[in-house]
Amino acid sequence: MDNTIEALKNLYVALGGNADDVENIVIIPDMINAIAAHVASGGAAELPAVTAADNGKVLKVAGGVWAVGTDATT
């Protein structure tokens, strides 16, 4: 069973972080700050921003990232 630090490290990795970057962190607030910094730097996968003008469009992967298109090919 994981402790809180190990669970937070698992979350960091699940969000796309490198486990080596946080291997020496042993304090919960420091680990939470590392996760926050990773997310703030765009490290976690994000969906594209959309507005009502995008109604009827589709979500697709283009160039390895999520994108909004008019159909599966555009």
N, C-alpha and C. Protein backbone atom coordinates (compact mmCIF):
# COMPACT_ATOMS: atom_id res chain seq x y z
N MET A 1 0.85 -1.18 0.00
CA MET A 1 0.00 0.00 0.00
C MET A 1 0.89 1.24 0.00
N ASP A 2 0.57 2.19 -0.87
CA ASP A 2 1.34 3.42 -0.98
C ASP A 2 1.04 4.37 0.16
N ASN A 3 2.03 5.19 0.50
CA ASN A 3 1.77 6.29 1.41
C ASN A 3 1.38 7.51 0.57
N THR A 4 1.10 8.61 1.21
CA THR A 4 0.63 9.80 0.49
C THR A 4 1.66 10.31 -0.50
N ILE A 5 2.93 10.36 -0.13
CA ILE A 5 3.97 10.84 -1.04
C ILE A 5 4.05 9.96 -2.27
N GLU A 6 4.03 8.65 -2.08
CA GLU A 6 4.10 7.73 -3.23
C GLU A 6 2.88 7.89 -4.13
N ALA A 7 1.71 8.08 -3.54
CA ALA A 7 0.49 8.29 -4.33
C ALA A 7 0.59 9.59 -5.13
N LEU A 8 1.13 10.64 -4.53
CA LEU A 8 1.29 11.91 -5.25
C LEU A 8 2.33 11.78 -6.35
N LYS A 9 3.39 11.01 -6.11
CA LYS A 9 4.38 10.77 -7.16
C LYS A 9 3.75 10.01 -8.32
N ASN A 10 2.88 9.05 -8.01
CA ASN A 10 2.17 8.32 -9.06
C ASN A 10 1.29 9.27 -9.87
N LEU A 11 0.64 10.20 -9.19
CA LEU A 11 -0.18 11.19 -9.88
C LEU A 11 0.68 12.06 -10.79
N TYR A 12 1.83 12.49 -10.29
CA TYR A 12 2.76 13.30 -11.08
C TYR A 12 3.13 12.58 -12.38
N VAL A 13 3.45 11.31 -12.28
CA VAL A 13 3.81 10.53 -13.46
C VAL A 13 2.61 10.34 -14.38
N ALA A 14 1.43 10.11 -13.80
CA ALA A 14 0.22 9.95 -14.61
C ALA A 14 -0.10 11.21 -15.40
N LEU A 15 0.30 12.35 -14.87
CA LEU A 15 0.08 13.62 -15.56
C LEU A 15 1.18 13.92 -16.57
N GLY A 16 2.09 12.98 -16.77
CA GLY A 16 3.12 13.14 -17.78
C GLY A 16 4.47 13.53 -17.24
N GLY A 17 4.62 13.63 -15.93
CA GLY A 17 5.90 14.01 -15.34
C GLY A 17 6.87 12.84 -15.31
N ASN A 18 8.14 13.15 -15.10
CA ASN A 18 9.19 12.15 -15.03
C ASN A 18 9.44 11.83 -13.55
N ALA A 19 9.33 10.55 -13.20
CA ALA A 19 9.50 10.13 -11.81
C ALA A 19 10.85 10.55 -11.24
N ASP A 20 11.88 10.58 -12.07
CA ASP A 20 13.21 10.97 -11.60
C ASP A 20 13.24 12.41 -11.08
N ASP A 21 12.36 13.26 -11.61
CA ASP A 21 12.34 14.67 -11.20
C ASP A 21 11.85 14.85 -9.77
N VAL A 22 11.10 13.90 -9.25
CA VAL A 22 10.52 14.04 -7.92
C VAL A 22 10.94 12.93 -6.95
N GLU A 23 11.92 12.14 -7.35
CA GLU A 23 12.29 10.97 -6.53
C GLU A 23 12.78 11.34 -5.13
N ASN A 24 13.35 12.52 -4.95
CA ASN A 24 13.89 12.90 -3.65
C ASN A 24 12.95 13.75 -2.81
N ILE A 25 11.74 13.98 -3.29
CA ILE A 25 10.77 14.77 -2.52
C ILE A 25 10.15 13.88 -1.45
N VAL A 26 10.13 14.37 -0.20
CA VAL A 26 9.61 13.58 0.90
C VAL A 26 8.55 14.31 1.73
N ILE A 27 8.26 15.56 1.38
CA ILE A 27 7.28 16.36 2.12
C ILE A 27 6.07 16.60 1.22
N ILE A 28 4.88 16.33 1.75
CA ILE A 28 3.65 16.43 0.96
C ILE A 28 3.49 17.79 0.28
N PRO A 29 3.63 18.93 0.98
CA PRO A 29 3.47 20.22 0.29
C PRO A 29 4.45 20.40 -0.88
N ASP A 30 5.66 19.89 -0.72
CA ASP A 30 6.63 20.00 -1.82
C ASP A 30 6.17 19.18 -3.02
N MET A 31 5.59 18.02 -2.77
CA MET A 31 5.12 17.18 -3.87
C MET A 31 3.92 17.81 -4.54
N ILE A 32 3.02 18.39 -3.76
CA ILE A 32 1.86 19.08 -4.34
C ILE A 32 2.33 20.26 -5.18
N ASN A 33 3.31 21.00 -4.70
CA ASN A 33 3.86 22.12 -5.48
C ASN A 33 4.52 21.64 -6.77
N ALA A 34 5.17 20.49 -6.74
CA ALA A 34 5.78 19.94 -7.96
C ALA A 34 4.70 19.58 -8.98
N ILE A 35 3.60 19.00 -8.51
CA ILE A 35 2.48 18.68 -9.41
C ILE A 35 1.89 19.97 -9.99
N ALA A 36 1.68 20.96 -9.14
CA ALA A 36 1.12 22.24 -9.60
C ALA A 36 2.02 22.89 -10.63
N ALA A 37 3.32 22.87 -10.41
CA ALA A 37 4.26 23.47 -11.36
C ALA A 37 4.24 22.71 -12.67
N HIS A 38 4.14 21.40 -12.60
CA HIS A 38 4.10 20.59 -13.82
C HIS A 38 2.84 20.91 -14.63
N VAL A 39 1.71 20.97 -13.96
CA VAL A 39 0.46 21.27 -14.65
C VAL A 39 0.48 22.69 -15.21
N ALA A 40 0.97 23.65 -14.43
CA ALA A 40 1.01 25.05 -14.88
C ALA A 40 1.93 25.24 -16.09
N SER A 41 2.94 24.39 -16.19
CA SER A 41 3.87 24.52 -17.32
C SER A 41 3.35 23.82 -18.58
N GLY A 42 2.13 23.29 -18.50
CA GLY A 42 1.55 22.61 -19.65
C GLY A 42 1.94 21.15 -19.73
N GLY A 43 2.51 20.64 -18.65
CA GLY A 43 2.98 19.26 -18.65
C GLY A 43 1.87 18.22 -18.73
N ALA A 44 0.70 18.54 -18.27
CA ALA A 44 -0.41 17.59 -18.34
C ALA A 44 -1.14 17.76 -19.67
N ALA A 45 -1.62 16.66 -20.19
CA ALA A 45 -2.36 16.72 -21.45
C ALA A 45 -3.59 17.60 -21.27
N GLU A 46 -3.86 18.42 -22.25
CA GLU A 46 -4.99 19.33 -22.17
C GLU A 46 -5.83 19.24 -23.43
N LEU A 47 -7.09 19.43 -23.27
CA LEU A 47 -7.98 19.54 -24.41
C LEU A 47 -7.94 20.98 -24.93
N PRO A 48 -8.23 21.18 -26.20
CA PRO A 48 -8.20 22.55 -26.73
C PRO A 48 -9.34 23.39 -26.15
N ALA A 49 -9.11 24.67 -26.06
CA ALA A 49 -10.16 25.58 -25.62
C ALA A 49 -11.22 25.68 -26.71
N VAL A 50 -12.47 25.67 -26.32
CA VAL A 50 -13.56 25.78 -27.29
C VAL A 50 -14.56 26.82 -26.82
N THR A 51 -15.37 27.29 -27.76
CA THR A 51 -16.44 28.24 -27.46
C THR A 51 -17.71 27.77 -28.16
N ALA A 52 -18.78 28.51 -27.99
CA ALA A 52 -20.03 28.17 -28.65
C ALA A 52 -19.86 28.17 -30.17
N ALA A 53 -18.91 28.92 -30.68
CA ALA A 53 -18.65 28.93 -32.13
C ALA A 53 -18.17 27.58 -32.64
N ASP A 54 -17.71 26.72 -31.73
CA ASP A 54 -17.24 25.39 -32.11
C ASP A 54 -18.35 24.33 -32.09
N ASN A 55 -19.57 24.72 -31.74
CA ASN A 55 -20.68 23.76 -31.72
C ASN A 55 -20.76 23.03 -33.05
N GLY A 56 -20.92 21.70 -32.99
CA GLY A 56 -21.04 20.88 -34.19
C GLY A 56 -19.71 20.36 -34.71
N LYS A 57 -18.60 20.86 -34.19
CA LYS A 57 -17.29 20.39 -34.62
C LYS A 57 -16.91 19.14 -33.83
N VAL A 58 -15.84 18.49 -34.25
CA VAL A 58 -15.41 17.26 -33.58
C VAL A 58 -14.07 17.47 -32.90
N LEU A 59 -13.81 16.64 -31.89
CA LEU A 59 -12.52 16.61 -31.22
C LEU A 59 -11.72 15.49 -31.84
N LYS A 60 -10.47 15.77 -32.23
CA LYS A 60 -9.64 14.76 -32.88
C LYS A 60 -8.19 14.95 -32.48
N VAL A 61 -7.36 13.99 -32.82
CA VAL A 61 -5.93 14.11 -32.60
C VAL A 61 -5.29 14.48 -33.94
N ALA A 62 -4.52 15.55 -33.93
CA ALA A 62 -3.82 16.01 -35.13
C ALA A 62 -2.40 16.38 -34.72
N GLY A 63 -1.42 15.75 -35.33
CA GLY A 63 -0.04 16.03 -34.98
C GLY A 63 0.30 15.62 -33.55
N GLY A 64 -0.40 14.62 -33.03
CA GLY A 64 -0.11 14.13 -31.68
C GLY A 64 -0.73 14.92 -30.56
N VAL A 65 -1.59 15.89 -30.89
CA VAL A 65 -2.27 16.67 -29.84
C VAL A 65 -3.75 16.76 -30.17
N TRP A 66 -4.57 17.00 -29.14
CA TRP A 66 -6.00 17.18 -29.36
C TRP A 66 -6.24 18.47 -30.12
N ALA A 67 -7.19 18.43 -31.04
CA ALA A 67 -7.53 19.60 -31.86
C ALA A 67 -9.01 19.58 -32.16
N VAL A 68 -9.56 20.73 -32.55
CA VAL A 68 -10.95 20.84 -32.96
C VAL A 68 -10.96 20.85 -34.48
N GLY A 69 -11.83 20.05 -35.08
CA GLY A 69 -11.95 20.01 -36.53
C GLY A 69 -13.40 19.99 -36.95
N THR A 70 -13.63 20.12 -38.23
CA THR A 70 -15.02 20.09 -38.73
C THR A 70 -15.48 18.66 -38.97
N ASP A 71 -14.54 17.74 -39.23
CA ASP A 71 -14.86 16.32 -39.31
C ASP A 71 -13.58 15.55 -38.96
N ALA A 72 -13.59 14.26 -39.12
CA ALA A 72 -12.46 13.45 -38.69
C ALA A 72 -11.17 13.72 -39.48
N THR A 73 -11.28 14.38 -40.63
CA THR A 73 -10.08 14.59 -41.47
C THR A 73 -9.64 16.04 -41.53
N THR A 74 -10.48 16.98 -41.09
CA THR A 74 -10.08 18.40 -41.18
C THR A 74 -10.16 19.07 -39.83
